[in-house]
C-alpha atoms as a PDB file:
ATOM      1  CA  MET A   1      77.275 114.432  64.350  1.00  0.00           C
ATOM      2  CA  THR A   2      79.199 111.647  66.028  1.00  0.00           C
ATOM      3  CA  PRO A   3      78.924 111.000  69.806  1.00  0.00           C
ATOM      4  CA  LEU A   4      82.510 112.191  70.256  1.00  0.00           C
ATOM      5  CA  GLY A   5      81.682 115.469  68.518  1.00  0.00           C
ATOM      6  CA  LEU A   6      78.599 115.945  70.705  1.00  0.00           C
ATOM      7  CA  LEU A   7      80.665 115.328  73.851  1.00  0.00           C
ATOM      8  CA  THR A   8      83.320 117.823  72.727  1.00  0.00           C
ATOM      9  CA  ALA A   9      80.709 120.487  71.969  1.00  0.00           C
ATOM     10  CA  PHE A  10      79.017 119.875  75.321  1.00  0.00           C
ATOM     11  CA  CYS A  11      82.296 120.252  77.196  1.00  0.00           C
ATOM     12  CA  ALA A  12      83.137 123.448  75.307  1.00  0.00           C
ATOM     13  CA  CYS A  13      79.755 124.995  76.134  1.00  0.00           C
ATOM     14  CA  ALA A  14      79.916 123.882  79.759  1.00  0.00           C
ATOM     15  CA  GLY A  15      83.213 125.707  80.212  1.00  0.00           C
ATOM     16  CA  PHE A  16      81.453 129.077  79.744  1.00  0.00           C
ATOM     17  CA  ALA A  17      78.647 128.272  82.182  1.00  0.00           C
ATOM     18  CA  HIS A  18      78.414 130.147  85.472  1.00  0.00           C
ATOM     19  CA  ALA A  19      76.791 128.198  88.308  1.00  0.00           C
ATOM     20  CA  GLN A  20      75.209 129.941  91.307  1.00  0.00           C
ATOM     21  CA  TYR A  21      73.056 128.862  94.224  1.00  0.00           C
ATOM     22  CA  PHE A  22      69.304 128.881  93.756  1.00  0.00           C
ATOM     23  CA  SER A  23      67.510 131.983  94.974  1.00  0.00           C
ATOM     24  CA  GLN A  24      64.899 131.687  97.705  1.00  0.00           C
ATOM     25  CA  GLY A  25      62.484 133.438  95.376  1.00  0.00           C
ATOM     26  CA  TRP A  26      60.051 136.254  95.898  1.00  0.00           C
ATOM     27  CA  ALA A  27      57.748 136.208  98.928  1.00  0.00           C
ATOM     28  CA  PRO A  28      54.458 138.105  99.327  1.00  0.00           C
ATOM     29  CA  GLY A  29      54.933 141.571 100.810  1.00  0.00           C
ATOM     30  CA  GLN A  30      58.409 142.071  99.355  1.00  0.00           C
ATOM     31  CA  PRO A  31      59.122 144.653  96.627  1.00  0.00           C
ATOM     32  CA  VAL A  32      59.432 143.319  93.121  1.00  0.00           C
ATOM     33  CA  PRO A  33      63.155 143.068  92.243  1.00  0.00           C
ATOM     34  CA  SER A  34      64.396 144.881  89.165  1.00  0.00           C
ATOM     35  CA  VAL A  35      67.174 144.123  86.699  1.00  0.00           C
ATOM     36  CA  ALA A  36      69.514 146.490  88.548  1.00  0.00           C
ATOM     37  CA  ASP A  37      69.001 144.511  91.743  1.00  0.00           C
ATOM     38  CA  PHE A  38      70.004 141.284  90.004  1.00  0.00           C
ATOM     39  CA  GLN A  39      73.133 142.882  88.565  1.00  0.00           C
ATOM     40  CA  ALA A  40      74.113 144.294  91.956  1.00  0.00           C
ATOM     41  CA  ALA A  41      73.586 140.937  93.671  1.00  0.00           C
ATOM     42  CA  ARG A  42      75.787 139.074  91.170  1.00  0.00           C
ATOM     43  CA  PRO A  43      79.259 138.561  92.685  1.00  0.00           C
ATOM     44  CA  ALA A  44      82.325 139.742  90.843  1.00  0.00           C
ATOM     45  CA  SER A  45      84.654 137.154  89.385  1.00  0.00           C
ATOM     46  CA  ALA A  46      87.163 136.225  92.080  1.00  0.00           C
ATOM     47  CA  SER A  47      90.807 135.863  91.284  1.00  0.00           C
ATOM     48  CA  VAL A  48      92.749 132.787  92.312  1.00  0.00           C
ATOM     49  CA  VAL A  49      94.872 133.398  95.412  1.00  0.00           C
ATOM     50  CA  PRO A  50      97.810 131.058  96.006  1.00  0.00           C
ATOM     51  CA  PRO A  51      97.569 129.081  99.259  1.00  0.00           C
ATOM     52  CA  THR A  52      99.698 130.113 102.202  1.00  0.00           C
ATOM     53  CA  GLY A  53     101.231 127.927 104.822  1.00  0.00           C
ATOM     54  CA  ALA A  54     101.263 128.278 108.592  1.00  0.00           C
ATOM     55  CA  GLY A  55     102.375 131.653 109.861  1.00  0.00           C
ATOM     56  CA  GLY A  56     101.249 133.394 106.667  1.00  0.00           C
ATOM     57  CA  ALA A  57     104.284 132.315 104.660  1.00  0.00           C
ATOM     58  CA  SER A  58     103.845 131.496 101.021  1.00  0.00           C
ATOM     59  CA  GLN A  59     104.213 127.881  99.925  1.00  0.00           C
ATOM     60  CA  GLU A  60     106.671 128.939  97.266  1.00  0.00           C
ATOM     61  CA  GLY A  61     109.102 130.487  99.703  1.00  0.00           C
ATOM     62  CA  GLY A  62     110.937 129.383 102.803  1.00  0.00           C
ATOM     63  CA  GLY A  63     111.637 125.902 101.487  1.00  0.00           C
ATOM     64  CA  GLY A  64     107.948 125.026 101.534  1.00  0.00           C
ATOM     65  CA  HIS A  65     106.129 122.681  99.243  1.00  0.00           C
ATOM     66  CA  LYS A  66     105.308 124.171  95.855  1.00  0.00           C
ATOM     67  CA  LEU A  67     102.234 122.501  94.422  1.00  0.00           C
ATOM     68  CA  PRO A  68     102.650 121.309  90.817  1.00  0.00           C
ATOM     69  CA  LYS A  69     100.632 123.036  88.120  1.00  0.00           C
ATOM     70  CA  GLN A  70      98.253 121.069  85.936  1.00  0.00           C
ATOM     71  CA  GLY A  71      98.414 121.213  82.177  1.00  0.00           C
ATOM     72  CA  LEU A  72      95.542 122.299  79.959  1.00  0.00           C
ATOM     73  CA  LEU A  73      94.582 118.715  79.052  1.00  0.00           C
ATOM     74  CA  ASP A  74      94.695 117.622  82.695  1.00  0.00           C
ATOM     75  CA  THR A  75      92.530 120.585  83.668  1.00  0.00           C
ATOM     76  CA  LEU A  76      89.894 119.752  81.042  1.00  0.00           C
ATOM     77  CA  VAL A  77      89.789 116.073  82.000  1.00  0.00           C
ATOM     78  CA  THR A  78      90.044 116.276  85.794  1.00  0.00           C
ATOM     79  CA  ASN A  79      87.581 119.153  86.285  1.00  0.00           C
ATOM     80  CA  GLY A  80      84.144 120.147  85.148  1.00  0.00           C
ATOM     81  CA  PRO A  81      81.636 117.999  83.239  1.00  0.00           C
ATOM     82  CA  VAL A  82      84.187 115.431  82.033  1.00  0.00           C
ATOM     83  CA  SER A  83      85.071 114.560  85.624  1.00  0.00           C
ATOM     84  CA  ALA A  84      81.362 114.382  86.509  1.00  0.00           C
ATOM     85  CA  LEU A  85      80.585 112.056  83.595  1.00  0.00           C
ATOM     86  CA  SER A  86      83.561 109.845  84.429  1.00  0.00           C
ATOM     87  CA  GLY A  87      82.332 109.660  88.018  1.00  0.00           C
ATOM     88  CA  LEU A  88      79.030 108.221  86.785  1.00  0.00           C
ATOM     89  CA  LEU A  89      81.038 105.519  84.991  1.00  0.00           C
ATOM     90  CA  GLY A  90      83.014 104.691  88.121  1.00  0.00           C
ATOM     91  CA  LEU A  91      86.235 106.492  87.083  1.00  0.00           C
ATOM     92  CA  ASN A  92      87.918 108.940  89.448  1.00  0.00           C
ATOM     93  CA  LEU A  93      89.791 111.441  87.288  1.00  0.00           C
ATOM     94  CA  SER A  94      89.802 114.273  89.823  1.00  0.00           C
ATOM     95  CA  GLY A  95      92.985 116.199  90.323  1.00  0.00           C
ATOM     96  CA  ALA A  96      95.365 115.750  93.223  1.00  0.00           C
ATOM     97  CA  PRO A  97      94.080 117.300  96.456  1.00  0.00           C
ATOM     98  CA  ALA A  98      95.707 120.543  97.539  1.00  0.00           C
ATOM     99  CA  VAL A  99      97.904 120.023 100.604  1.00  0.00           C
ATOM    100  CA  GLU A 100      99.032 122.925 102.783  1.00  0.00           C
ATOM    101  CA  TRP A 101     102.220 122.191 104.716  1.00  0.00           C
ATOM    102  CA  ASP A 102     104.136 124.448 107.049  1.00  0.00           C
ATOM    103  CA  ALA A 103     106.504 126.371 104.804  1.00  0.00           C
ATOM    104  CA  ARG A 104     109.000 126.821 107.642  1.00  0.00           C
ATOM    105  CA  ILE A 105     109.775 123.090 107.577  1.00  0.00           C
ATOM    106  CA  PRO A 106     111.913 122.339 104.490  1.00  0.00           C
ATOM    107  CA  LEU A 107     110.662 119.747 102.055  1.00  0.00           C
ATOM    108  CA  ILE A 108     113.369 117.151 101.396  1.00  0.00           C
ATOM    109  CA  THR A 109     113.366 115.773  97.845  1.00  0.00           C
ATOM    110  CA  ASP A 110     115.593 113.586  95.706  1.00  0.00           C
ATOM    111  CA  GLU A 111     117.113 116.711  94.181  1.00  0.00           C
ATOM    112  CA  ASN A 112     118.015 118.656  97.349  1.00  0.00           C
ATOM    113  CA  TYR A 113     118.779 115.796  99.777  1.00  0.00           C
ATOM    114  CA  ASP A 114     122.537 115.904  99.205  1.00  0.00           C
ATOM    115  CA  GLU A 115     122.662 119.691  99.317  1.00  0.00           C
ATOM    116  CA  VAL A 116     120.540 120.148 102.445  1.00  0.00           C
ATOM    117  CA  ILE A 117     121.577 117.158 104.580  1.00  0.00           C
ATOM    118  CA  VAL A 118     124.630 115.311 103.243  1.00  0.00           C
ATOM    119  CA  ASN A 119     126.687 118.365 102.248  1.00  0.00           C
ATOM    120  CA  GLU A 120     125.385 120.777 104.875  1.00  0.00           C
ATOM    121  CA  GLU A 121     127.945 123.492 105.603  1.00  0.00           C
ATOM    122  CA  MET A 122     128.981 123.363 109.287  1.00  0.00           C
ATOM    123  CA  ASP A 123     132.069 122.803 111.388  1.00  0.00           C
ATOM    124  CA  ASP A 124     133.064 119.511 113.002  1.00  0.00           C
ATOM    125  CA  GLU A 125     131.480 120.307 116.351  1.00  0.00           C
ATOM    126  CA  GLU A 126     128.151 121.179 114.769  1.00  0.00           C
ATOM    127  CA  ALA A 127     128.348 118.057 112.614  1.00  0.00           C
ATOM    128  CA  MET A 128     128.736 115.908 115.738  1.00  0.00           C
ATOM    129  CA  GLU A 129     125.660 117.461 117.354  1.00  0.00           C
ATOM    130  CA  ARG A 130     123.481 117.820 114.266  1.00  0.00           C
ATOM    131  CA  VAL A 131     120.241 115.809 114.407  1.00  0.00           C
ATOM    132  CA  TRP A 132     117.698 115.770 111.612  1.00  0.00           C
ATOM    133  CA  PHE A 133     114.151 114.836 112.612  1.00  0.00           C
ATOM    134  CA  LEU A 134     112.196 113.848 109.496  1.00  0.00           C
ATOM    135  CA  VAL A 135     108.646 112.753 108.799  1.00  0.00           C
ATOM    136  CA  VAL A 136     107.818 110.629 105.745  1.00  0.00           C
ATOM    137  CA  THR A 137     104.219 111.402 104.865  1.00  0.00           C
ATOM    138  CA  VAL A 138     101.621 110.351 102.300  1.00  0.00           C
ATOM    139  CA  THR A 139      99.199 113.180 103.014  1.00  0.00           C
ATOM    140  CA  ALA A 140      99.535 114.416  99.419  1.00  0.00           C
ATOM    141  CA  GLY A 141      97.862 111.212  98.195  1.00  0.00           C
ATOM    142  CA  SER A 142      95.483 110.711 101.132  1.00  0.00           C
ATOM    143  CA  PRO A 143      94.512 114.003 102.806  1.00  0.00           C
ATOM    144  CA  GLU A 144      92.664 112.223 105.608  1.00  0.00           C
ATOM    145  CA  GLY A 145      93.912 109.435 107.828  1.00  0.00           C
ATOM    146  CA  VAL A 146      96.909 108.518 109.965  1.00  0.00           C
ATOM    147  CA  SER A 147      99.377 110.457 107.834  1.00  0.00           C
ATOM    148  CA  LYS A 148      97.418 113.684 108.269  1.00  0.00           C
ATOM    149  CA  PHE A 149      97.379 113.170 112.032  1.00  0.00           C
ATOM    150  CA  VAL A 150     101.138 112.530 112.109  1.00  0.00           C
ATOM    151  CA  ASP A 151     101.722 115.692 110.051  1.00  0.00           C
ATOM    152  CA  ASP A 152      99.735 117.767 112.542  1.00  0.00           C
ATOM    153  CA  VAL A 153     101.623 116.337 115.533  1.00  0.00           C
ATOM    154  CA  PHE A 154     104.934 116.889 113.742  1.00  0.00           C
ATOM    155  CA  ASP A 155     104.100 120.547 113.051  1.00  0.00           C
ATOM    156  CA  LYS A 156     103.041 121.104 116.666  1.00  0.00           C
ATOM    157  CA  THR A 157     106.294 119.542 117.860  1.00  0.00           C
ATOM    158  CA  TYR A 158     108.204 121.960 115.650  1.00  0.00           C
ATOM    159  CA  ASN A 159     106.283 124.901 117.116  1.00  0.00           C
ATOM    160  CA  LEU A 160     106.978 123.612 120.623  1.00  0.00           C
ATOM    161  CA  THR A 161     110.720 123.508 119.982  1.00  0.00           C
ATOM    162  CA  LEU A 162     110.585 127.085 118.686  1.00  0.00           C
ATOM    163  CA  ASP A 163     108.760 128.220 121.822  1.00  0.00           C
ATOM    164  CA  THR A 164     111.245 126.573 124.177  1.00  0.00           C
ATOM    165  CA  GLY A 165     114.327 127.344 122.102  1.00  0.00           C
ATOM    166  CA  ASP A 166     116.437 124.640 123.785  1.00  0.00           C
ATOM    167  CA  LEU A 167     117.058 122.415 120.737  1.00  0.00           C
ATOM    168  CA  PRO A 168     119.204 124.531 118.407  1.00  0.00           C
ATOM    169  CA  HIS A 169     121.039 121.481 117.044  1.00  0.00           C
ATOM    170  CA  VAL A 170     117.840 119.790 115.807  1.00  0.00           C
ATOM    171  CA  ARG A 171     116.581 120.371 112.274  1.00  0.00           C
ATOM    172  CA  PHE A 172     113.126 119.393 111.046  1.00  0.00           C
ATOM    173  CA  GLY A 173     112.327 118.168 107.549  1.00  0.00           C
ATOM    174  CA  ARG A 174     109.456 116.622 105.610  1.00  0.00           C
ATOM    175  CA  ILE A 175     109.592 113.953 102.888  1.00  0.00           C
ATOM    176  CA  ASP A 176     106.640 113.511 100.542  1.00  0.00           C
ATOM    177  CA  TYR A 177     106.510 109.757  99.973  1.00  0.00           C
ATOM    178  CA  ILE A 178     104.387 110.183  96.836  1.00  0.00           C
ATOM    179  CA  ASN A 179     106.929 112.371  95.008  1.00  0.00           C
ATOM    180  CA  VAL A 180     110.199 110.970  96.406  1.00  0.00           C
ATOM    181  CA  THR A 181     111.679 107.755  95.026  1.00  0.00           C
ATOM    182  CA  ALA A 182     115.452 107.598  95.481  1.00  0.00           C
ATOM    183  CA  ILE A 183     115.557 108.419  99.205  1.00  0.00           C
ATOM    184  CA  THR A 184     112.864 105.961 100.256  1.00  0.00           C
ATOM    185  CA  THR A 185     114.341 103.221  98.065  1.00  0.00           C
ATOM    186  CA  LYS A 186     117.812 103.653  99.603  1.00  0.00           C
ATOM    187  CA  TRP A 187     116.215 103.401 103.031  1.00  0.00           C
ATOM    188  CA  ASN A 188     114.265 100.281 102.005  1.00  0.00           C
ATOM    189  CA  MET A 189     111.049 102.087 102.883  1.00  0.00           C
ATOM    190  CA  TRP A 190     107.936 100.894 101.045  1.00  0.00           C
ATOM    191  CA  SER A 191     105.145 102.416 103.135  1.00  0.00           C
ATOM    192  CA  ALA A 192     104.372 105.501 105.198  1.00  0.00           C
ATOM    193  CA  PRO A 193     104.096 107.370 107.534  1.00  0.00           C
ATOM    194  CA  TRP A 194     107.473 107.065 109.291  1.00  0.00           C
ATOM    195  CA  LEU A 195     109.509 109.193 111.684  1.00  0.00           C
ATOM    196  CA  VAL A 196     113.268 109.218 111.066  1.00  0.00           C
ATOM    197  CA  VAL A 197     116.100 110.395 113.314  1.00  0.00           C
ATOM    198  CA  LEU A 198     119.080 111.055 111.040  1.00  0.00           C
ATOM    199  CA  LYS A 199     122.678 111.677 112.114  1.00  0.00           C
ATOM    200  CA  ASP A 200     126.188 111.684 110.657  1.00  0.00           C
ATOM    201  CA  ARG A 201     125.035 113.276 107.388  1.00  0.00           C
ATOM    202  CA  GLY A 202     122.667 110.413 106.663  1.00  0.00           C
ATOM    203  CA  ARG A 203     124.944 107.505 107.632  1.00  0.00           C
ATOM    204  CA  THR A 204     123.112 106.740 110.910  1.00  0.00           C
ATOM    205  CA  LEU A 205     119.361 106.198 110.665  1.00  0.00           C
ATOM    206  CA  ARG A 206     116.712 105.272 113.207  1.00  0.00           C
ATOM    207  CA  PHE A 207     113.168 104.562 112.047  1.00  0.00           C
ATOM    208  CA  TYR A 208     109.936 104.799 114.043  1.00  0.00           C
ATOM    209  CA  ARG A 209     106.636 103.524 112.723  1.00  0.00           C
ATOM    210  CA  ALA A 210     104.355 106.507 113.279  1.00  0.00           C
ATOM    211  CA  GLY A 211     101.020 104.693 113.104  1.00  0.00           C
ATOM    212  CA  GLN A 212     101.718 102.065 115.775  1.00  0.00           C
ATOM    213  CA  GLN A 213     101.389 104.328 118.837  1.00  0.00           C
ATOM    214  CA  LYS A 214      99.476 107.401 119.884  1.00  0.00           C
ATOM    215  CA  LEU A 215     101.683 110.411 119.287  1.00  0.00           C
ATOM    216  CA  THR A 216     101.621 113.760 121.045  1.00  0.00           C
ATOM    217  CA  PRO A 217     103.802 116.840 120.563  1.00  0.00           C
ATOM    218  CA  GLU A 218     105.102 116.509 124.116  1.00  0.00           C
ATOM    219  CA  MET A 219     106.137 112.892 123.488  1.00  0.00           C
ATOM    220  CA  LEU A 220     108.158 113.790 120.396  1.00  0.00           C
ATOM    221  CA  TYR A 221     109.636 116.817 122.135  1.00  0.00           C
ATOM    222  CA  ASP A 222     110.848 114.656 125.035  1.00  0.00           C
ATOM    223  CA  LEU A 223     112.230 112.145 122.517  1.00  0.00           C
ATOM    224  CA  LEU A 224     114.458 114.868 121.076  1.00  0.00           C
ATOM    225  CA  LYS A 225     115.310 116.753 124.261  1.00  0.00           C
ATOM    226  CA  ASP A 226     116.253 113.719 126.364  1.00  0.00           C
ATOM    227  CA  GLU A 227     117.807 112.003 123.346  1.00  0.00           C
ATOM    228  CA  SER A 228     115.671 108.950 124.040  1.00  0.00           C
ATOM    229  CA  TRP A 229     116.117 107.990 120.418  1.00  0.00           C
ATOM    230  CA  ARG A 230     119.579 106.663 121.322  1.00  0.00           C
ATOM    231  CA  ALA A 231     117.881 103.732 123.088  1.00  0.00           C
ATOM    232  CA  ARG A 232     116.981 102.280 119.710  1.00  0.00           C
ATOM    233  CA  ASP A 233     119.755 100.706 117.689  1.00  0.00           C
ATOM    234  CA  PRO A 234     120.424 102.333 114.314  1.00  0.00           C
ATOM    235  CA  TRP A 235     119.647 100.525 111.099  1.00  0.00           C
ATOM    236  CA  HIS A 236     122.365  97.969 110.381  1.00  0.00           C
ATOM    237  CA  SER A 237     122.014  95.927 107.210  1.00  0.00           C
ATOM    238  CA  ILE A 238     124.185  94.741 104.346  1.00  0.00           C
ATOM    239  CA  TYR A 239     121.950  96.936 102.162  1.00  0.00           C
ATOM    240  CA  GLY A 240     122.070  99.936 104.518  1.00  0.00           C
ATOM    241  CA  PRO A 241     124.632 102.754 104.769  1.00  0.00           C
ATOM    242  CA  GLY A 242     128.096 101.233 105.021  1.00  0.00           C
ATOM    243  CA  GLY A 243     126.867  97.717 104.164  1.00  0.00           C
ATOM    244  CA  GLN A 244     128.528  95.354 101.702  1.00  0.00           C
ATOM    245  CA  ARG A 245     125.560  95.532  99.336  1.00  0.00           C
ATOM    246  CA  GLU A 246     124.686  99.177  99.735  1.00  0.00           C
ATOM    247  CA  TRP A 247     125.308  99.566  96.016  1.00  0.00           C
ATOM    248  CA  ALA A 248     122.296  97.338  95.236  1.00  0.00           C
ATOM    249  CA  LEU A 249     119.741  99.729  96.737  1.00  0.00           C
ATOM    250  CA  ASP A 250     121.643 102.704  95.299  1.00  0.00           C
ATOM    251  CA  TYR A 251     121.397 101.219  91.817  1.00  0.00           C
ATOM    252  CA  LEU A 252     117.721 100.341  92.294  1.00  0.00           C
ATOM    253  CA  ALA A 253     117.028 103.858  93.565  1.00  0.00           C
ATOM    254  CA  THR A 254     118.676 105.378  90.487  1.00  0.00           C
ATOM    255  CA  VAL A 255     116.622 103.202  88.127  1.00  0.00           C
ATOM    256  CA  LEU A 256     113.304 103.835  89.898  1.00  0.00           C
ATOM    257  CA  ALA A 257     113.959 107.578  90.125  1.00  0.00           C
ATOM    258  CA  ALA A 258     114.655 107.796  86.382  1.00  0.00           C
ATOM    259  CA  GLN A 259     111.541 105.746  85.659  1.00  0.00           C
ATOM    260  CA  TYR A 260     109.448 107.990  87.899  1.00  0.00           C
ATOM    261  CA  ARG A 261     110.663 111.139  86.120  1.00  0.00           C
ATOM    262  CA  TYR A 262     109.407 109.805  82.790  1.00  0.00           C
ATOM    263  CA  ILE A 263     106.131 108.432  84.136  1.00  0.00           C
ATOM    264  CA  ASN A 264     105.406 111.641  86.028  1.00  0.00           C
ATOM    265  CA  LYS A 265     105.286 113.534  82.715  1.00  0.00           C
ATOM    266  CA  LEU A 266     102.208 111.572  81.619  1.00  0.00           C
ATOM    267  CA  PRO A 267      98.758 112.942  82.466  1.00  0.00           C
ATOM    268  CA  LYS A 268      97.062 111.276  85.406  1.00  0.00           C
ATOM    269  CA  TRP A 269      94.109 110.046  83.343  1.00  0.00           C
ATOM    270  CA  VAL A 270      96.502 108.267  80.956  1.00  0.00           C
ATOM    271  CA  LEU A 271      98.070 106.476  83.921  1.00  0.00           C
ATOM    272  CA  TYR A 272      94.606 105.408  85.085  1.00  0.00           C
ATOM    273  CA  ILE A 273      93.820 103.893  81.685  1.00  0.00           C
ATOM    274  CA  LEU A 274      97.210 102.177  81.376  1.00  0.00           C
ATOM    275  CA  SER A 275      97.083 100.780  84.903  1.00  0.00           C
ATOM    276  CA  GLY A 276      93.552  99.480  84.296  1.00  0.00           C
ATOM    277  CA  GLY A 277      94.685  97.739  81.109  1.00  0.00           C
ATOM    278  CA  VAL A 278      97.662  96.149  82.861  1.00  0.00           C
ATOM    279  CA  VAL A 279      95.468  94.923  85.718  1.00  0.00           C
ATOM    280  CA  SER A 280      92.975  93.442  83.233  1.00  0.00           C
ATOM    281  CA  VAL A 281      95.749  91.550  81.430  1.00  0.00           C
ATOM    282  CA  VAL A 282      97.162  90.225  84.704  1.00  0.00           C
ATOM    283  CA  ILE A 283      93.733  89.084  85.931  1.00  0.00           C
ATOM    284  CA  ASN A 284      93.013  87.288  82.650  1.00  0.00           C
ATOM    285  CA  PHE A 285      96.414  85.605  82.818  1.00  0.00           C
ATOM    286  CA  LEU A 286      95.851  84.445  86.399  1.00  0.00           C
ATOM    287  CA  HIS A 287      92.405  83.061  85.517  1.00  0.00           C
ATOM    288  CA  LYS A 288      93.655  81.291  82.397  1.00  0.00           C
ATOM    289  CA  PRO A 289      92.597  77.578  82.449  1.00  0.00           C
ATOM    290  CA  ASP A 290      95.275  74.896  82.767  1.00  0.00           C
ATOM    291  CA  ALA A 291      96.095  73.514  79.299  1.00  0.00           C
ATOM    292  CA  GLY A 292      97.332  70.138  80.621  1.00  0.00           C
ATOM    293  CA  LYS A 293      94.235  69.648  82.735  1.00  0.00           C
ATOM    294  CA  ASN A 294      91.903  70.442  79.835  1.00  0.00           C
ATOM    295  CA  LYS A 295      93.850  68.065  77.572  1.00  0.00           C
ATOM    296  CA  GLY A 296      93.469  65.249  80.105  1.00  0.00           C
ATOM    297  CA  GLU A 297      89.745  65.937  80.458  1.00  0.00           C
ATOM    298  CA  GLN A 298      89.301  65.936  76.683  1.00  0.00           C
ATOM    299  CA  LYS A 299      91.202  62.628  76.386  1.00  0.00           C
ATOM    300  CA  GLN A 300      89.120  61.040  79.138  1.00  0.00           C
ATOM    301  CA  GLY A 301      85.945  62.402  77.556  1.00  0.00           C
ATOM    302  CA  GLY A 302      86.961  60.902  74.177  1.00  0.00           C
ATOM    303  CA  LYS A 303      87.393  57.462  75.752  1.00  0.00           C
ATOM    304  CA  THR A 304      83.987  57.690  77.419  1.00  0.00           C
ATOM    305  CA  THR A 305      82.368  58.682  74.119  1.00  0.00           C
ATOM    306  CA  ALA A 306      83.990  55.734  72.300  1.00  0.00           C
ATOM    307  CA  VAL A 307      82.786  53.267  74.940  1.00  0.00           C
ATOM    308  CA  THR A 308      79.255  54.669  74.775  1.00  0.00           C
ATOM    309  CA  ALA A 309      79.187  54.426  70.962  1.00  0.00           C
ATOM    310  CA  LYS A 310      80.408  50.808  71.134  1.00  0.00           C
ATOM    311  CA  ASP A 311      77.635  49.897  73.608  1.00  0.00           C
ATOM    312  CA  LYS A 312      75.013  51.497  71.346  1.00  0.00           C
ATOM    313  CA  LYS A 313      76.313  49.544  68.348  1.00  0.00           C
ATOM    314  CA  THR A 314      76.141  46.241  70.268  1.00  0.00           C
ATOM    315  CA  THR A 315      72.568  46.986  71.335  1.00  0.00           C
ATOM    316  CA  ALA A 316      71.520  47.742  67.748  1.00  0.00           C
ATOM    317  CA  VAL A 317      73.023  44.452  66.441  1.00  0.00           C
ATOM    318  CA  SER A 318      71.248  42.460  69.157  1.00  0.00           C
ATOM    319  CA  ALA A 319      67.919  44.032  68.227  1.00  0.00           C
ATOM    320  CA  LYS A 320      68.280  43.000  64.537  1.00  0.00           C
ATOM    321  CA  GLU A 321      68.903  39.241  65.230  1.00  0.00           C
ATOM    322  CA  PRO A 322      65.707  37.014  64.928  1.00  0.00           C
ATOM    323  CA  PRO A 323      64.574  34.932  67.913  1.00  0.00           C
ATOM    324  CA  PRO A 324      65.770  31.252  67.974  1.00  0.00           C
ATOM    325  CA  ALA A 325      63.530  28.566  66.291  1.00  0.00           C
ATOM    326  CA  ALA A 326      61.292  26.396  68.521  1.00  0.00           C
ATOM    327  CA  PRO A 327      62.249  22.644  68.814  1.00  0.00           C
ATOM    328  CA  ALA A 328      60.113  19.939  67.107  1.00  0.00           C
ATOM    329  CA  GLY A 329      57.044  18.891  69.127  1.00  0.00           C
ATOM    330  CA  ALA A 330      57.436  21.721  71.521  1.00  0.00           C
ATOM    331  CA  GLY A 331      54.292  23.414  70.225  1.00  0.00           C
ATOM    332  CA  THR A 332      51.824  20.446  70.998  1.00  0.00           C
ATOM    333  CA  SER A 333      49.041  21.506  73.264  1.00  0.00           C
ATOM    334  CA  THR A 334      47.497  18.852  75.564  1.00  0.00           C
ATOM    335  CA  GLY A 335      44.674  20.922  76.981  1.00  0.00           C
ATOM    336  CA  THR A 336      42.755  21.967  73.846  1.00  0.00           C
ATOM    337  CA  GLY A 337      43.166  18.867  71.561  1.00  0.00           C
ATOM    338  CA  THR A 338      44.549  21.101  68.799  1.00  0.00           C
ATOM    339  CA  SER A 339      48.309  21.262  68.287  1.00  0.00           C
ATOM    340  CA  GLN A 340      49.787  24.623  67.200  1.00  0.00           C
ATOM    341  CA  SER A 341      53.256  26.172  67.238  1.00  0.00           C
ATOM    342  CA  ARG A 342      54.169  29.302  69.230  1.00  0.00           C
ATOM    343  CA  SER A 343      53.642  31.397  66.159  1.00  0.00           C
ATOM    344  CA  GLY A 344      49.973  30.190  65.741  1.00  0.00           C
ATOM    345  CA  THR A 345      50.662  27.866  62.683  1.00  0.00           C
ATOM    346  CA  PRO A 346      49.337  24.219  62.968  1.00  0.00           C
ATOM    347  CA  SER A 347      52.096  21.625  63.314  1.00  0.00           C
ATOM    348  CA  LYS A 348      52.817  18.915  60.715  1.00  0.00           C
ATOM    349  CA  GLY A 349      51.404  16.080  62.914  1.00  0.00           C
ATOM    350  CA  ALA A 350      48.106  17.821  63.292  1.00  0.00           C
ATOM    351  CA  SER A 351      47.868  18.345  59.531  1.00  0.00           C
ATOM    352  CA  LYS A 352      48.416  14.605  58.805  1.00  0.00           C
ATOM    353  CA  ARG A 353      45.713  13.525  61.278  1.00  0.00           C
ATOM    354  CA  LYS A 354      43.328  15.968  59.718  1.00  0.00           C
ATOM    355  CA  ASN A 355      43.923  14.558  56.197  1.00  0.00           C
ATOM    356  CA  LYS A 356      43.297  10.933  57.348  1.00  0.00           C
ATOM    357  CA  LYS A 357      39.936  11.923  58.641  1.00  0.00           C
END
């Protein structure tokens, strides 16, 4: 059987397993447990209960956030033994964390933004007084951190306004930065969390960076009650509402929203693999050696090799040449009485004198 077949069989068998905590075991002096005791101690299979928001309201009602359902393939990959094995390999294929938001605060999305805020049904007097207080959060992608803290303060501020009842013209709303594309792109918003004071059906916007100061429910309540938000100038830009190039961000928002709708249909583990492949290609491209520099080094190395070969050839030719001949009479020795050349052969003068004798 192939390794892939073994892995598939293992995953199929693991799906029927039932894990429980280890028993403390039997201790001396206790009665011996029977089979009936084990069956009575085994808990019944619990049914899945949908999460509820603050105040006991269901997440599916009251304009709350409805958590997306995972497909069968996503469930098999992001849970159970496959997720455990991928964790050993350094891959995080776990599903998205469950986030419980207050269902009384409406969730503003790309689909209902125009219906809830822009085209809200009210008379002219209410339209002049209407203030939308929004929080742009990333808690769905990062359950812990600054965004979670801002969400808690925002919910407490909402509860405080309900207790006092003196801000009937203020509406609260929440924007999930992870699942909203068109709104944040039109607002030129590329990070979170943010607090937004919206007026004039979305034509007047004031942004507050939520993570730059310590927030309290009382501080945000005073900001709304005293209308201290008017001290900050609204967003004025050629790309903002009413600007000459507002169409540019509108067009970009339309393109990115359409792209997100298609990408969101892919399973999360496929996106992990594709993103890893793209990052690998980009890293290899950035670390690609310079072709011109390598060509220059090769050319310089070729010249050095040619010069070295020429020097070796000159040395070999010099070694093959015989030494120069000694001049006549240079080999006569005055100390020993016998005349010889440098090579040890008797000279011609010495041979003649020897023959005369």
